[in-house]
Amino acid sequence: MASLAERLTALTFADCSADEVTQLMLDEIVAWGRERGWRVYRRAASVAKLPPPMDKQHSYVDVAFARPEGRPVVIEVDHTDRRRTVDKLLEESAAGRVAIWVRWSSRAIAAPPDPVRLVAVPVTSNRGLHSRRPDLPVPSHSSTDLADAEQPDLF
Protein backbone atom coordinates (compact mmCIF):
# COMPACT_ATOMS: atom_id res chain seq x y z
CA MET A 1 0.00 0.00 0.00
CA ALA A 2 2.94 2.34 0.55
CA SER A 3 3.67 2.25 -3.18
CA LEU A 4 0.08 3.27 -3.94
CA ALA A 5 0.31 6.15 -1.46
CA GLU A 6 3.61 7.29 -3.00
CA ARG A 7 2.16 7.15 -6.48
CA LEU A 8 -0.96 9.12 -5.60
CA THR A 9 0.87 11.76 -3.59
CA ALA A 10 3.22 12.26 -6.56
CA LEU A 11 0.23 12.95 -8.82
CA THR A 12 -0.05 16.60 -9.84
CA PHE A 13 -2.92 18.51 -11.42
CA ALA A 14 -4.31 22.02 -11.47
CA ASP A 15 -7.79 23.54 -11.43
CA CYS A 16 -9.74 20.29 -11.81
CA SER A 17 -13.33 19.59 -10.85
CA ALA A 18 -14.07 16.98 -8.19
CA ASP A 19 -15.06 14.47 -10.88
CA GLU A 20 -11.84 15.13 -12.82
CA VAL A 21 -9.67 14.63 -9.71
CA THR A 22 -11.46 11.40 -8.85
CA GLN A 23 -11.02 10.14 -12.42
CA LEU A 24 -7.29 11.03 -12.40
CA MET A 25 -6.84 9.07 -9.18
CA LEU A 26 -8.82 6.10 -10.48
CA ASP A 27 -6.69 6.02 -13.64
CA GLU A 28 -3.50 6.04 -11.51
CA ILE A 29 -4.86 3.27 -9.26
CA VAL A 30 -5.75 1.11 -12.27
CA ALA A 31 -2.27 1.66 -13.79
CA TRP A 32 -0.67 0.80 -10.41
CA GLY A 33 -2.52 -2.52 -10.27
CA ARG A 34 -1.84 -3.41 -13.90
CA GLU A 35 1.89 -2.78 -13.42
CA ARG A 36 1.79 -5.49 -10.76
CA GLY A 37 0.17 -7.94 -13.13
CA TRP A 38 -3.15 -7.94 -11.30
CA ARG A 39 -6.52 -8.33 -13.00
CA VAL A 40 -8.38 -5.03 -12.79
CA TYR A 41 -12.13 -4.58 -12.37
CA ARG A 42 -13.62 -1.09 -12.49
CA ARG A 43 -16.98 -0.69 -10.78
CA ALA A 44 -16.83 -4.21 -9.44
CA ALA A 45 -19.79 -5.70 -7.60
CA SER A 46 -19.45 -5.33 -3.84
CA VAL A 47 -20.50 -7.81 -1.17
CA ALA A 48 -22.41 -4.92 0.41
CA LYS A 49 -26.06 -4.54 -0.48
CA LEU A 50 -27.69 -1.23 -1.28
CA PRO A 51 -29.93 0.36 1.36
CA PRO A 52 -33.73 -0.09 1.15
CA PRO A 53 -35.71 -0.01 -1.04
CA MET A 54 -32.98 -1.42 -3.33
CA ASP A 55 -31.65 -3.89 -0.75
CA LYS A 56 -31.96 -6.82 -3.17
CA GLN A 57 -29.13 -5.31 -5.25
CA HIS A 58 -25.43 -5.07 -4.50
CA SER A 59 -23.38 -1.90 -4.34
CA TYR A 60 -20.18 -1.38 -6.34
CA VAL A 61 -16.58 -0.58 -5.46
CA ASP A 62 -14.60 1.82 -7.63
CA VAL A 63 -11.76 -0.61 -8.36
CA ALA A 64 -11.06 -4.23 -7.47
CA PHE A 65 -7.93 -6.27 -8.10
CA ALA A 66 -7.57 -10.03 -8.29
CA ARG A 67 -4.03 -11.00 -7.38
CA PRO A 68 -2.31 -14.34 -8.09
CA GLU A 69 -0.84 -14.21 -4.59
CA GLY A 70 -2.74 -12.73 -1.69
CA ARG A 71 -6.25 -11.59 -0.99
CA PRO A 72 -8.23 -9.50 -3.47
CA VAL A 73 -7.96 -5.72 -3.07
CA VAL A 74 -10.89 -3.29 -3.25
CA ILE A 75 -10.52 0.47 -3.42
CA GLU A 76 -12.98 3.32 -3.01
CA VAL A 77 -12.03 6.90 -3.96
CA ASP A 78 -13.84 9.80 -2.28
CA HIS A 79 -13.35 13.47 -1.53
CA THR A 80 -15.97 13.45 1.22
CA ASP A 81 -16.25 11.53 4.47
CA ARG A 82 -19.10 9.11 3.74
CA ARG A 83 -20.26 6.66 6.41
CA ARG A 84 -21.75 4.46 3.68
CA THR A 85 -18.28 4.03 2.13
CA VAL A 86 -16.79 3.04 5.48
CA ASP A 87 -19.56 0.49 6.04
CA LYS A 88 -19.07 -0.94 2.54
CA LEU A 89 -15.31 -1.27 3.04
CA LEU A 90 -15.81 -2.91 6.43
CA GLU A 91 -18.08 -5.49 4.76
CA GLU A 92 -15.50 -6.05 2.03
CA SER A 93 -12.81 -6.60 4.64
CA ALA A 94 -15.03 -9.02 6.59
CA ALA A 95 -15.41 -10.97 3.33
CA GLY A 96 -11.63 -11.41 3.13
CA ARG A 97 -10.62 -8.53 0.89
CA VAL A 98 -7.99 -5.89 1.54
CA ALA A 99 -10.09 -2.72 1.78
CA ILE A 100 -8.47 0.62 0.93
CA TRP A 101 -10.10 4.03 1.10
CA VAL A 102 -8.39 6.70 -1.00
CA ARG A 103 -9.49 10.06 0.35
CA TRP A 104 -8.52 13.34 -1.20
CA SER A 105 -9.43 16.65 0.37
CA SER A 106 -8.24 20.12 1.29
CA ARG A 107 -9.49 19.47 4.82
CA ALA A 108 -8.27 17.15 7.55
CA ILE A 109 -8.84 13.48 6.69
CA ALA A 110 -9.87 11.23 9.57
CA ALA A 111 -8.68 7.64 9.61
CA PRO A 112 -11.34 4.98 9.06
CA PRO A 113 -11.76 2.14 11.56
CA ASP A 114 -9.50 -0.91 11.31
CA PRO A 115 -9.04 -2.95 9.21
CA VAL A 116 -9.87 -0.43 6.45
CA ARG A 117 -6.64 1.13 5.21
CA LEU A 118 -6.41 4.81 4.34
CA VAL A 119 -4.47 6.57 1.60
CA ALA A 120 -4.86 10.30 2.29
CA VAL A 121 -4.08 12.70 -0.55
CA PRO A 122 -4.14 16.37 0.44
CA VAL A 123 -5.12 18.88 -2.23
CA THR A 124 -5.75 22.59 -2.36
CA SER A 125 -9.19 23.88 -3.29
CA ASN A 126 -10.29 27.25 -4.56
CA ARG A 127 -13.78 28.08 -5.86
CA GLY A 128 -14.69 24.46 -6.50
CA LEU A 129 -11.48 23.66 -8.36
CA HIS A 130 -8.81 21.40 -6.92
CA SER A 131 -5.06 21.31 -7.41
CA ARG A 132 -2.07 19.30 -6.32
CA ARG A 133 1.23 20.85 -7.28
CA PRO A 134 4.70 19.50 -6.63
CA ASP A 135 6.82 21.10 -3.96
CA LEU A 136 8.84 23.70 -5.76
CA PRO A 137 12.50 24.14 -4.87
CA VAL A 138 13.51 27.26 -3.03
CA PRO A 139 14.88 29.77 -5.57
CA SER A 140 18.60 30.34 -5.52
CA HIS A 141 19.75 33.75 -4.36
CA SER A 142 22.55 35.96 -5.53
CA SER A 143 25.96 35.06 -4.18
CA THR A 144 26.92 38.75 -4.19
CA ASP A 145 27.62 40.14 -0.74
CA LEU A 146 25.13 43.00 -0.68
CA ALA A 147 26.92 44.72 2.20
CA ASP A 148 29.79 45.53 -0.15
CA ALA A 149 27.68 46.28 -3.22
CA GLU A 150 26.76 49.81 -4.22
CA GLN A 151 23.02 50.44 -3.93
CA PRO A 152 21.64 51.78 -7.22
CA ASP A 153 19.66 54.98 -7.10
CA LEU A 154 16.03 54.04 -7.61
CA PHE A 155 14.77 57.57 -8.23
C-alpha atoms as a PDB file:
ATOM      1  CA  MET A   1       0.000   0.000   0.000  1.00  0.00           C
ATOM      2  CA  ALA A   2       2.938   2.339   0.550  1.00  0.00           C
ATOM      3  CA  SER A   3       3.674   2.245  -3.184  1.00  0.00           C
ATOM      4  CA  LEU A   4       0.080   3.270  -3.940  1.00  0.00           C
ATOM      5  CA  ALA A   5       0.312   6.145  -1.462  1.00  0.00           C
ATOM      6  CA  GLU A   6       3.612   7.295  -2.996  1.00  0.00           C
ATOM      7  CA  ARG A   7       2.163   7.151  -6.477  1.00  0.00           C
ATOM      8  CA  LEU A   8      -0.963   9.116  -5.598  1.00  0.00           C
ATOM      9  CA  THR A   9       0.875  11.758  -3.586  1.00  0.00           C
ATOM     10  CA  ALA A  10       3.224  12.261  -6.559  1.00  0.00           C
ATOM     11  CA  LEU A  11       0.225  12.952  -8.818  1.00  0.00           C
ATOM     12  CA  THR A  12      -0.048  16.602  -9.844  1.00  0.00           C
ATOM     13  CA  PHE A  13      -2.917  18.509 -11.418  1.00  0.00           C
ATOM     14  CA  ALA A  14      -4.311  22.020 -11.465  1.00  0.00           C
ATOM     15  CA  ASP A  15      -7.786  23.542 -11.427  1.00  0.00           C
ATOM     16  CA  CYS A  16      -9.737  20.291 -11.807  1.00  0.00           C
ATOM     17  CA  SER A  17     -13.333  19.590 -10.853  1.00  0.00           C
ATOM     18  CA  ALA A  18     -14.068  16.980  -8.187  1.00  0.00           C
ATOM     19  CA  ASP A  19     -15.056  14.475 -10.880  1.00  0.00           C
ATOM     20  CA  GLU A  20     -11.838  15.126 -12.818  1.00  0.00           C
ATOM     21  CA  VAL A  21      -9.665  14.633  -9.711  1.00  0.00           C
ATOM     22  CA  THR A  22     -11.460  11.400  -8.847  1.00  0.00           C
ATOM     23  CA  GLN A  23     -11.018  10.138 -12.418  1.00  0.00           C
ATOM     24  CA  LEU A  24      -7.291  11.028 -12.403  1.00  0.00           C
ATOM     25  CA  MET A  25      -6.844   9.069  -9.185  1.00  0.00           C
ATOM     26  CA  LEU A  26      -8.824   6.099 -10.481  1.00  0.00           C
ATOM     27  CA  ASP A  27      -6.687   6.023 -13.636  1.00  0.00           C
ATOM     28  CA  GLU A  28      -3.501   6.037 -11.511  1.00  0.00           C
ATOM     29  CA  ILE A  29      -4.858   3.274  -9.261  1.00  0.00           C
ATOM     30  CA  VAL A  30      -5.745   1.110 -12.270  1.00  0.00           C
ATOM     31  CA  ALA A  31      -2.274   1.657 -13.791  1.00  0.00           C
ATOM     32  CA  TRP A  32      -0.672   0.803 -10.411  1.00  0.00           C
ATOM     33  CA  GLY A  33      -2.518  -2.518 -10.273  1.00  0.00           C
ATOM     34  CA  ARG A  34      -1.842  -3.415 -13.896  1.00  0.00           C
ATOM     35  CA  GLU A  35       1.886  -2.775 -13.416  1.00  0.00           C
ATOM     36  CA  ARG A  36       1.794  -5.493 -10.756  1.00  0.00           C
ATOM     37  CA  GLY A  37       0.175  -7.942 -13.128  1.00  0.00           C
ATOM     38  CA  TRP A  38      -3.154  -7.945 -11.297  1.00  0.00           C
ATOM     39  CA  ARG A  39      -6.520  -8.325 -12.997  1.00  0.00           C
ATOM     40  CA  VAL A  40      -8.384  -5.029 -12.788  1.00  0.00           C
ATOM     41  CA  TYR A  41     -12.127  -4.583 -12.371  1.00  0.00           C
ATOM     42  CA  ARG A  42     -13.617  -1.095 -12.492  1.00  0.00           C
ATOM     43  CA  ARG A  43     -16.983  -0.685 -10.775  1.00  0.00           C
ATOM     44  CA  ALA A  44     -16.831  -4.215  -9.440  1.00  0.00           C
ATOM     45  CA  ALA A  45     -19.792  -5.704  -7.602  1.00  0.00           C
ATOM     46  CA  SER A  46     -19.451  -5.330  -3.840  1.00  0.00           C
ATOM     47  CA  VAL A  47     -20.501  -7.811  -1.175  1.00  0.00           C
ATOM     48  CA  ALA A  48     -22.414  -4.921   0.414  1.00  0.00           C
ATOM     49  CA  LYS A  49     -26.059  -4.540  -0.484  1.00  0.00           C
ATOM     50  CA  LEU A  50     -27.688  -1.231  -1.277  1.00  0.00           C
ATOM     51  CA  PRO A  51     -29.929   0.360   1.363  1.00  0.00           C
ATOM     52  CA  PRO A  52     -33.728  -0.094   1.149  1.00  0.00           C
ATOM     53  CA  PRO A  53     -35.710  -0.010  -1.038  1.00  0.00           C
ATOM     54  CA  MET A  54     -32.985  -1.425  -3.332  1.00  0.00           C
ATOM     55  CA  ASP A  55     -31.649  -3.889  -0.749  1.00  0.00           C
ATOM     56  CA  LYS A  56     -31.962  -6.815  -3.172  1.00  0.00           C
ATOM     57  CA  GLN A  57     -29.127  -5.309  -5.254  1.00  0.00           C
ATOM     58  CA  HIS A  58     -25.435  -5.068  -4.502  1.00  0.00           C
ATOM     59  CA  SER A  59     -23.376  -1.901  -4.337  1.00  0.00           C
ATOM     60  CA  TYR A  60     -20.176  -1.377  -6.344  1.00  0.00           C
ATOM     61  CA  VAL A  61     -16.580  -0.583  -5.462  1.00  0.00           C
ATOM     62  CA  ASP A  62     -14.597   1.823  -7.629  1.00  0.00           C
ATOM     63  CA  VAL A  63     -11.758  -0.612  -8.364  1.00  0.00           C
ATOM     64  CA  ALA A  64     -11.060  -4.234  -7.469  1.00  0.00           C
ATOM     65  CA  PHE A  65      -7.933  -6.275  -8.097  1.00  0.00           C
ATOM     66  CA  ALA A  66      -7.573 -10.026  -8.292  1.00  0.00           C
ATOM     67  CA  ARG A  67      -4.030 -11.005  -7.379  1.00  0.00           C
ATOM     68  CA  PRO A  68      -2.307 -14.336  -8.095  1.00  0.00           C
ATOM     69  CA  GLU A  69      -0.839 -14.212  -4.592  1.00  0.00           C
ATOM     70  CA  GLY A  70      -2.742 -12.732  -1.686  1.00  0.00           C
ATOM     71  CA  ARG A  71      -6.245 -11.588  -0.993  1.00  0.00           C
ATOM     72  CA  PRO A  72      -8.225  -9.499  -3.474  1.00  0.00           C
ATOM     73  CA  VAL A  73      -7.963  -5.724  -3.065  1.00  0.00           C
ATOM     74  CA  VAL A  74     -10.895  -3.293  -3.246  1.00  0.00           C
ATOM     75  CA  ILE A  75     -10.524   0.473  -3.416  1.00  0.00           C
ATOM     76  CA  GLU A  76     -12.980   3.316  -3.014  1.00  0.00           C
ATOM     77  CA  VAL A  77     -12.031   6.903  -3.956  1.00  0.00           C
ATOM     78  CA  ASP A  78     -13.841   9.804  -2.277  1.00  0.00           C
ATOM     79  CA  HIS A  79     -13.354  13.473  -1.531  1.00  0.00           C
ATOM     80  CA  THR A  80     -15.973  13.452   1.224  1.00  0.00           C
ATOM     81  CA  ASP A  81     -16.254  11.526   4.465  1.00  0.00           C
ATOM     82  CA  ARG A  82     -19.105   9.108   3.735  1.00  0.00           C
ATOM     83  CA  ARG A  83     -20.259   6.656   6.406  1.00  0.00           C
ATOM     84  CA  ARG A  84     -21.753   4.463   3.683  1.00  0.00           C
ATOM     85  CA  THR A  85     -18.283   4.031   2.126  1.00  0.00           C
ATOM     86  CA  VAL A  86     -16.794   3.035   5.479  1.00  0.00           C
ATOM     87  CA  ASP A  87     -19.565   0.487   6.035  1.00  0.00           C
ATOM     88  CA  LYS A  88     -19.072  -0.942   2.541  1.00  0.00           C
ATOM     89  CA  LEU A  89     -15.310  -1.270   3.035  1.00  0.00           C
ATOM     90  CA  LEU A  90     -15.809  -2.912   6.430  1.00  0.00           C
ATOM     91  CA  GLU A  91     -18.079  -5.490   4.756  1.00  0.00           C
ATOM     92  CA  GLU A  92     -15.497  -6.045   2.032  1.00  0.00           C
ATOM     93  CA  SER A  93     -12.810  -6.601   4.643  1.00  0.00           C
ATOM     94  CA  ALA A  94     -15.028  -9.019   6.589  1.00  0.00           C
ATOM     95  CA  ALA A  95     -15.413 -10.969   3.329  1.00  0.00           C
ATOM     96  CA  GLY A  96     -11.631 -11.414   3.133  1.00  0.00           C
ATOM     97  CA  ARG A  97     -10.620  -8.535   0.887  1.00  0.00           C
ATOM     98  CA  VAL A  98      -7.989  -5.885   1.535  1.00  0.00           C
ATOM     99  CA  ALA A  99     -10.093  -2.716   1.777  1.00  0.00           C
ATOM    100  CA  ILE A 100      -8.467   0.622   0.930  1.00  0.00           C
ATOM    101  CA  TRP A 101     -10.100   4.027   1.098  1.00  0.00           C
ATOM    102  CA  VAL A 102      -8.390   6.700  -1.001  1.00  0.00           C
ATOM    103  CA  ARG A 103      -9.493  10.058   0.353  1.00  0.00           C
ATOM    104  CA  TRP A 104      -8.520  13.336  -1.199  1.00  0.00           C
ATOM    105  CA  SER A 105      -9.426  16.651   0.367  1.00  0.00           C
ATOM    106  CA  SER A 106      -8.239  20.116   1.286  1.00  0.00           C
ATOM    107  CA  ARG A 107      -9.492  19.469   4.819  1.00  0.00           C
ATOM    108  CA  ALA A 108      -8.273  17.151   7.547  1.00  0.00           C
ATOM    109  CA  ILE A 109      -8.835  13.482   6.695  1.00  0.00           C
ATOM    110  CA  ALA A 110      -9.874  11.226   9.569  1.00  0.00           C
ATOM    111  CA  ALA A 111      -8.675   7.642   9.609  1.00  0.00           C
ATOM    112  CA  PRO A 112     -11.344   4.980   9.062  1.00  0.00           C
ATOM    113  CA  PRO A 113     -11.757   2.141  11.565  1.00  0.00           C
ATOM    114  CA  ASP A 114      -9.504  -0.911  11.308  1.00  0.00           C
ATOM    115  CA  PRO A 115      -9.037  -2.954   9.207  1.00  0.00           C
ATOM    116  CA  VAL A 116      -9.869  -0.426   6.453  1.00  0.00           C
ATOM    117  CA  ARG A 117      -6.638   1.133   5.208  1.00  0.00           C
ATOM    118  CA  LEU A 118      -6.411   4.809   4.337  1.00  0.00           C
ATOM    119  CA  VAL A 119      -4.467   6.571   1.603  1.00  0.00           C
ATOM    120  CA  ALA A 120      -4.862  10.298   2.289  1.00  0.00           C
ATOM    121  CA  VAL A 121      -4.084  12.698  -0.555  1.00  0.00           C
ATOM    122  CA  PRO A 122      -4.141  16.371   0.441  1.00  0.00           C
ATOM    123  CA  VAL A 123      -5.121  18.878  -2.235  1.00  0.00           C
ATOM    124  CA  THR A 124      -5.753  22.591  -2.364  1.00  0.00           C
ATOM    125  CA  SER A 125      -9.188  23.880  -3.289  1.00  0.00           C
ATOM    126  CA  ASN A 126     -10.294  27.247  -4.564  1.00  0.00           C
ATOM    127  CA  ARG A 127     -13.784  28.082  -5.859  1.00  0.00           C
ATOM    128  CA  GLY A 128     -14.688  24.457  -6.502  1.00  0.00           C
ATOM    129  CA  LEU A 129     -11.476  23.664  -8.362  1.00  0.00           C
ATOM    130  CA  HIS A 130      -8.814  21.404  -6.918  1.00  0.00           C
ATOM    131  CA  SER A 131      -5.055  21.306  -7.415  1.00  0.00           C
ATOM    132  CA  ARG A 132      -2.070  19.297  -6.319  1.00  0.00           C
ATOM    133  CA  ARG A 133       1.233  20.854  -7.276  1.00  0.00           C
ATOM    134  CA  PRO A 134       4.698  19.504  -6.632  1.00  0.00           C
ATOM    135  CA  ASP A 135       6.817  21.100  -3.965  1.00  0.00           C
ATOM    136  CA  LEU A 136       8.844  23.705  -5.764  1.00  0.00           C
ATOM    137  CA  PRO A 137      12.505  24.139  -4.870  1.00  0.00           C
ATOM    138  CA  VAL A 138      13.515  27.264  -3.033  1.00  0.00           C
ATOM    139  CA  PRO A 139      14.880  29.767  -5.568  1.00  0.00           C
ATOM    140  CA  SER A 140      18.601  30.342  -5.522  1.00  0.00           C
ATOM    141  CA  HIS A 141      19.752  33.747  -4.360  1.00  0.00           C
ATOM    142  CA  SER A 142      22.550  35.958  -5.531  1.00  0.00           C
ATOM    143  CA  SER A 143      25.964  35.058  -4.179  1.00  0.00           C
ATOM    144  CA  THR A 144      26.924  38.747  -4.188  1.00  0.00           C
ATOM    145  CA  ASP A 145      27.617  40.144  -0.736  1.00  0.00           C
ATOM    146  CA  LEU A 146      25.128  42.998  -0.677  1.00  0.00           C
ATOM    147  CA  ALA A 147      26.918  44.722   2.199  1.00  0.00           C
ATOM    148  CA  ASP A 148      29.793  45.529  -0.152  1.00  0.00           C
ATOM    149  CA  ALA A 149      27.684  46.283  -3.220  1.00  0.00           C
ATOM    150  CA  GLU A 150      26.761  49.805  -4.221  1.00  0.00           C
ATOM    151  CA  GLN A 151      23.022  50.435  -3.928  1.00  0.00           C
ATOM    152  CA  PRO A 152      21.640  51.781  -7.219  1.00  0.00           C
ATOM    153  CA  ASP A 153      19.664  54.975  -7.104  1.00  0.00           C
ATOM    154  CA  LEU A 154      16.030  54.039  -7.611  1.00  0.00           C
ATOM    155  CA  PHE A 155      14.770  57.570  -8.231  1.00  0.00           C
END
